Amino acid sequence: MGSAGAGSGEGAGSGEGAGSGAGTERGKRAAALVAAGLVEDHMRVGLGTGSTVAHLLPALAERGLAIRCVATSPATQAAARRLGLDVRPFSSSGRLDLAIDGADQVEVSGWLVKGGGGAHTREKVVASAAERFVVIVSSDKLVDHVRAPVPLELLAFGVGATLSLLGTARRRDAPRTPDGGVLADYLGAVDDPEALAMMLAAVPGVVEHGLFPPSMVSEVLVGVPSADSAVVRRFTPAR
């Protein structure tokens, strides 16, 4: 992986190691700052959802660029607009130049698990519409192999039947998605992510799953914290 220095001021002097909560936040912020630097004037930008994107939004707003954004959740939309970013409905934006989002798990091969916050359907639509999809994470999100739980969005109609077909899945005690879907998690083995993705997509009633293939990912920015700073390491998944 290549590396770039970033975010040395956050949490300075805390003395906490890379595994601490403060260290994780430094890693997230460092990756977000580097990602914000990838955005150029007049770009159409997809904004993801989650705690790492929460660091991206102010960094992006501070640059004062003339950009048009699409948000993957009501929470991101509200936060981005409060910061003065121009957020528009996706139906009016078409193709995007760049999408930036976090992930729950990042495999060394480039497979992702996303959707812990329940926004993976919109996140996948936005990532697929972007010329470049950049993933920003702290180093604790790196895994040798992706594993359960794999988030699911299910059609509300016949949800019990869909869960029966899935077998090893459990409905979440969570509100419906903004599009009316029911959230659940696949809890079985993830020995072959590609085969599992195909299986989940083929089950009637599954709106979308949280497995994102390496072919969708342009670059991963990993914030690696130390006691009072962070370095961002970059890698491009094999396609």
Protein backbone atom coordinates (compact mmCIF):
# COMPACT_ATOMS: atom_id res chain seq x y z
CA MET A 1 0.00 0.00 0.00
CA GLY A 2 1.08 3.57 -0.63
CA SER A 3 0.75 6.12 2.16
CA ALA A 4 0.08 9.80 2.75
CA GLY A 5 0.37 11.78 5.97
CA ALA A 6 -2.85 13.28 7.35
CA GLY A 7 -4.70 14.44 10.42
CA SER A 8 -1.84 14.73 12.86
CA GLY A 9 -3.57 17.33 15.02
CA GLU A 10 -6.62 15.35 16.14
CA GLY A 11 -6.29 13.93 19.63
CA ALA A 12 -2.70 15.09 19.94
CA GLY A 13 -1.03 14.11 23.19
CA SER A 14 -3.70 11.62 24.20
CA GLY A 15 -1.24 8.75 24.38
CA GLU A 16 -3.90 6.28 23.23
CA GLY A 17 -2.90 3.47 20.89
CA ALA A 18 -4.26 2.49 17.49
CA GLY A 19 -6.82 0.14 19.01
CA SER A 20 -8.48 2.81 21.15
CA GLY A 21 -11.68 4.66 20.34
CA ALA A 22 -9.79 7.91 19.95
CA GLY A 23 -7.28 6.21 17.67
CA THR A 24 -10.04 4.81 15.50
CA GLU A 25 -11.55 8.29 15.13
CA ARG A 26 -8.15 9.66 14.10
CA GLY A 27 -7.92 6.96 11.45
CA LYS A 28 -11.40 7.75 10.13
CA ARG A 29 -10.69 11.47 10.02
CA ALA A 30 -7.35 11.00 8.26
CA ALA A 31 -8.91 8.86 5.52
CA ALA A 32 -11.78 11.33 5.15
CA LEU A 33 -9.40 14.28 4.76
CA VAL A 34 -7.49 12.56 1.98
CA ALA A 35 -10.75 11.64 0.24
CA ALA A 36 -11.99 15.24 0.45
CA GLY A 37 -8.84 16.25 -1.41
CA LEU A 38 -9.86 14.06 -4.36
CA VAL A 39 -12.92 16.19 -5.07
CA GLU A 40 -12.55 18.86 -7.75
CA ASP A 41 -14.63 21.85 -8.75
CA HIS A 42 -17.84 21.11 -10.68
CA MET A 43 -17.82 17.40 -9.81
CA ARG A 44 -20.98 15.42 -9.14
CA VAL A 45 -20.25 13.60 -5.87
CA GLY A 46 -22.03 10.73 -4.12
CA LEU A 47 -21.93 10.98 -0.32
CA GLY A 48 -22.12 7.78 1.71
CA THR A 49 -23.50 7.20 5.18
CA GLY A 50 -21.88 6.50 8.53
CA SER A 51 -19.35 7.65 11.09
CA THR A 52 -16.43 7.98 8.67
CA VAL A 53 -18.49 10.02 6.20
CA ALA A 54 -19.35 12.25 9.16
CA HIS A 55 -15.69 13.33 9.07
CA LEU A 56 -15.77 13.76 5.30
CA LEU A 57 -18.66 16.25 5.15
CA PRO A 58 -17.06 19.16 7.06
CA ALA A 59 -13.73 18.60 5.31
CA LEU A 60 -15.50 18.79 1.97
CA ALA A 61 -17.56 21.84 2.95
CA GLU A 62 -14.44 23.69 4.08
CA ARG A 63 -12.99 23.45 0.57
CA GLY A 64 -15.77 25.68 -0.80
CA LEU A 65 -15.98 23.91 -4.15
CA ALA A 66 -18.82 24.32 -6.64
CA ILE A 67 -20.02 20.70 -6.56
CA ARG A 68 -23.36 18.92 -6.73
CA CYS A 69 -23.92 16.09 -4.28
CA VAL A 70 -26.20 13.09 -3.93
CA ALA A 71 -26.77 11.68 -0.42
CA THR A 72 -27.36 8.00 0.36
CA SER A 73 -29.48 8.63 3.47
CA PRO A 74 -31.66 11.32 5.02
CA ALA A 75 -29.08 11.71 7.80
CA THR A 76 -26.28 12.44 5.33
CA GLN A 77 -28.50 14.78 3.34
CA ALA A 78 -29.44 16.80 6.42
CA ALA A 79 -25.85 17.00 7.70
CA ALA A 80 -24.46 18.00 4.28
CA ARG A 81 -27.07 20.70 3.77
CA ARG A 82 -26.41 22.13 7.24
CA LEU A 83 -22.80 22.55 6.17
CA GLY A 84 -23.81 24.35 2.99
CA LEU A 85 -23.23 21.55 0.49
CA ASP A 86 -25.50 21.47 -2.56
CA VAL A 87 -27.40 18.17 -2.22
CA ARG A 88 -29.83 17.26 -4.98
CA PRO A 89 -32.22 14.38 -5.65
CA PHE A 90 -30.46 11.52 -7.38
CA SER A 91 -33.03 11.52 -10.17
CA SER A 92 -31.73 14.90 -11.28
CA SER A 93 -28.03 14.00 -11.23
CA GLY A 94 -27.56 10.97 -13.52
CA ARG A 95 -23.98 9.71 -13.60
CA LEU A 96 -21.58 10.77 -10.86
CA ASP A 97 -17.89 11.60 -11.09
CA LEU A 98 -17.00 10.27 -7.65
CA ALA A 99 -18.65 8.47 -4.75
CA ILE A 100 -17.07 8.30 -1.28
CA ASP A 101 -18.30 5.99 1.47
CA GLY A 102 -17.19 3.92 4.44
CA ALA A 103 -17.49 0.17 5.04
CA ASP A 104 -18.06 -2.24 7.89
CA GLN A 105 -15.49 -4.75 6.59
CA VAL A 106 -12.81 -4.50 3.88
CA GLU A 107 -11.18 -7.73 2.72
CA VAL A 108 -7.64 -7.55 1.36
CA SER A 109 -9.00 -8.72 -2.01
CA GLY A 110 -11.35 -5.73 -2.15
CA TRP A 111 -14.64 -7.34 -1.13
CA LEU A 112 -16.67 -5.10 1.17
CA VAL A 113 -19.47 -5.62 3.66
CA LYS A 114 -21.62 -2.52 4.01
CA GLY A 115 -24.98 -1.70 5.50
CA GLY A 116 -24.56 -1.72 9.25
CA GLY A 117 -26.46 1.55 9.19
CA GLY A 118 -29.10 0.17 6.85
CA ALA A 119 -28.28 2.34 3.83
CA HIS A 120 -26.56 -0.27 1.65
CA THR A 121 -29.17 -0.33 -1.14
CA ARG A 122 -28.84 3.38 -1.83
CA GLU A 123 -25.09 3.18 -1.25
CA LYS A 124 -24.76 0.47 -3.89
CA VAL A 125 -26.90 2.40 -6.38
CA VAL A 126 -24.75 5.50 -5.90
CA ALA A 127 -21.44 3.59 -6.03
CA SER A 128 -22.53 1.86 -9.24
CA ALA A 129 -23.38 5.20 -10.84
CA ALA A 130 -19.97 6.74 -10.11
CA GLU A 131 -16.96 6.83 -12.39
CA ARG A 132 -14.84 6.28 -9.25
CA PHE A 133 -15.91 4.73 -5.94
CA VAL A 134 -13.49 5.48 -3.09
CA VAL A 135 -13.85 3.68 0.24
CA ILE A 136 -12.65 5.36 3.44
CA VAL A 137 -12.07 3.33 6.61
CA SER A 138 -9.99 3.14 9.75
CA SER A 139 -7.57 0.22 9.94
CA ASP A 140 -9.80 -1.77 12.32
CA LYS A 141 -12.15 -2.44 9.38
CA LEU A 142 -9.57 -4.52 7.50
CA VAL A 143 -10.19 -8.28 7.58
CA ASP A 144 -8.57 -11.31 5.98
CA HIS A 145 -11.97 -12.59 4.90
CA VAL A 146 -15.38 -10.94 5.04
CA ARG A 147 -17.81 -12.64 7.39
CA ALA A 148 -21.35 -12.51 8.72
CA PRO A 149 -23.44 -10.57 9.45
CA VAL A 150 -24.19 -9.43 5.89
CA PRO A 151 -26.86 -6.73 5.90
CA LEU A 152 -29.99 -7.22 3.82
CA GLU A 153 -32.85 -5.01 2.73
CA LEU A 154 -36.03 -7.01 2.14
CA LEU A 155 -39.32 -6.22 0.50
CA ALA A 156 -41.94 -5.72 3.21
CA PHE A 157 -44.47 -7.79 1.26
CA GLY A 158 -44.02 -11.46 2.19
CA VAL A 159 -41.05 -10.73 4.44
CA GLY A 160 -41.67 -13.85 6.51
CA ALA A 161 -41.54 -16.03 3.40
CA THR A 162 -38.32 -14.32 2.28
CA LEU A 163 -36.69 -14.94 5.65
CA SER A 164 -37.72 -18.61 5.44
CA LEU A 165 -36.11 -18.92 2.02
CA LEU A 166 -32.92 -17.33 3.34
CA GLY A 167 -32.80 -19.71 6.31
CA THR A 168 -29.85 -18.28 8.22
CA ALA A 169 -31.12 -14.71 8.41
CA ARG A 170 -32.64 -12.61 11.18
CA ARG A 171 -34.85 -9.56 10.94
CA ARG A 172 -33.49 -6.48 12.69
CA ASP A 173 -35.41 -4.59 15.33
CA ALA A 174 -35.04 -1.39 13.32
CA PRO A 175 -37.19 1.15 11.48
CA ARG A 176 -37.99 0.64 7.81
CA THR A 177 -35.56 2.11 5.30
CA PRO A 178 -36.45 5.42 3.60
CA ASP A 179 -37.66 3.31 0.66
CA GLY A 180 -39.91 1.15 2.83
CA GLY A 181 -37.66 -1.90 3.06
CA VAL A 182 -37.21 -4.22 6.03
CA LEU A 183 -33.70 -4.62 7.41
CA ALA A 184 -32.25 -8.03 8.23
CA ASP A 185 -28.87 -9.77 8.44
CA TYR A 186 -27.61 -12.94 6.79
CA LEU A 187 -25.83 -14.95 9.49
CA GLY A 188 -24.48 -17.94 7.59
CA ALA A 189 -21.00 -18.73 6.33
CA VAL A 190 -19.29 -16.44 3.82
CA ASP A 191 -16.80 -18.92 2.36
CA ASP A 192 -17.19 -17.57 -1.19
CA PRO A 193 -18.41 -13.94 -1.28
CA GLU A 194 -19.13 -14.01 -5.01
CA ALA A 195 -21.25 -17.17 -4.78
CA LEU A 196 -23.08 -15.82 -1.71
CA ALA A 197 -23.78 -12.52 -3.44
CA MET A 198 -25.32 -14.37 -6.37
CA MET A 199 -27.39 -16.56 -4.07
CA LEU A 200 -28.74 -13.64 -2.03
CA ALA A 201 -29.56 -11.64 -5.15
CA ALA A 202 -31.55 -14.58 -6.52
CA VAL A 203 -33.87 -14.92 -3.51
CA PRO A 204 -37.29 -13.37 -4.25
CA GLY A 205 -37.94 -10.53 -1.83
CA VAL A 206 -34.29 -9.55 -1.32
CA VAL A 207 -34.07 -5.93 -2.44
CA GLU A 208 -30.29 -5.73 -1.94
CA HIS A 209 -27.47 -7.24 0.10
CA GLY A 210 -24.41 -5.62 1.64
CA LEU A 211 -21.69 -7.46 -0.29
CA PHE A 212 -19.84 -5.10 -2.64
CA PRO A 213 -17.45 -6.74 -5.15
CA PRO A 214 -13.87 -5.59 -5.80
CA SER A 215 -14.86 -4.65 -9.37
CA MET A 216 -16.96 -1.81 -7.94
CA VAL A 217 -14.15 -0.33 -5.82
CA SER A 218 -11.67 2.10 -7.37
CA GLU A 219 -9.52 2.72 -4.29
CA VAL A 220 -9.50 2.11 -0.54
CA LEU A 221 -8.08 4.73 1.82
CA VAL A 222 -7.15 3.25 5.20
CA GLY A 223 -6.47 5.53 8.15
CA VAL A 224 -3.84 3.91 10.38
CA PRO A 225 -3.63 5.73 13.74
CA SER A 226 -0.70 5.97 16.11
CA ALA A 227 -0.55 7.61 19.53
CA ASP A 228 -1.28 11.14 18.33
CA SER A 229 -1.50 11.08 14.53
CA ALA A 230 -2.53 8.93 11.57
CA VAL A 231 -1.16 7.85 8.21
CA VAL A 232 -3.38 6.96 5.25
CA ARG A 233 -2.47 3.89 3.28
CA ARG A 234 -4.03 3.39 -0.14
CA PHE A 235 -4.69 0.27 -2.18
CA THR A 236 -6.52 -0.59 -5.36
CA PRO A 237 -8.36 -3.94 -5.42
CA ALA A 238 -7.50 -6.40 -8.18
CA ARG A 239 -10.17 -6.32 -10.87
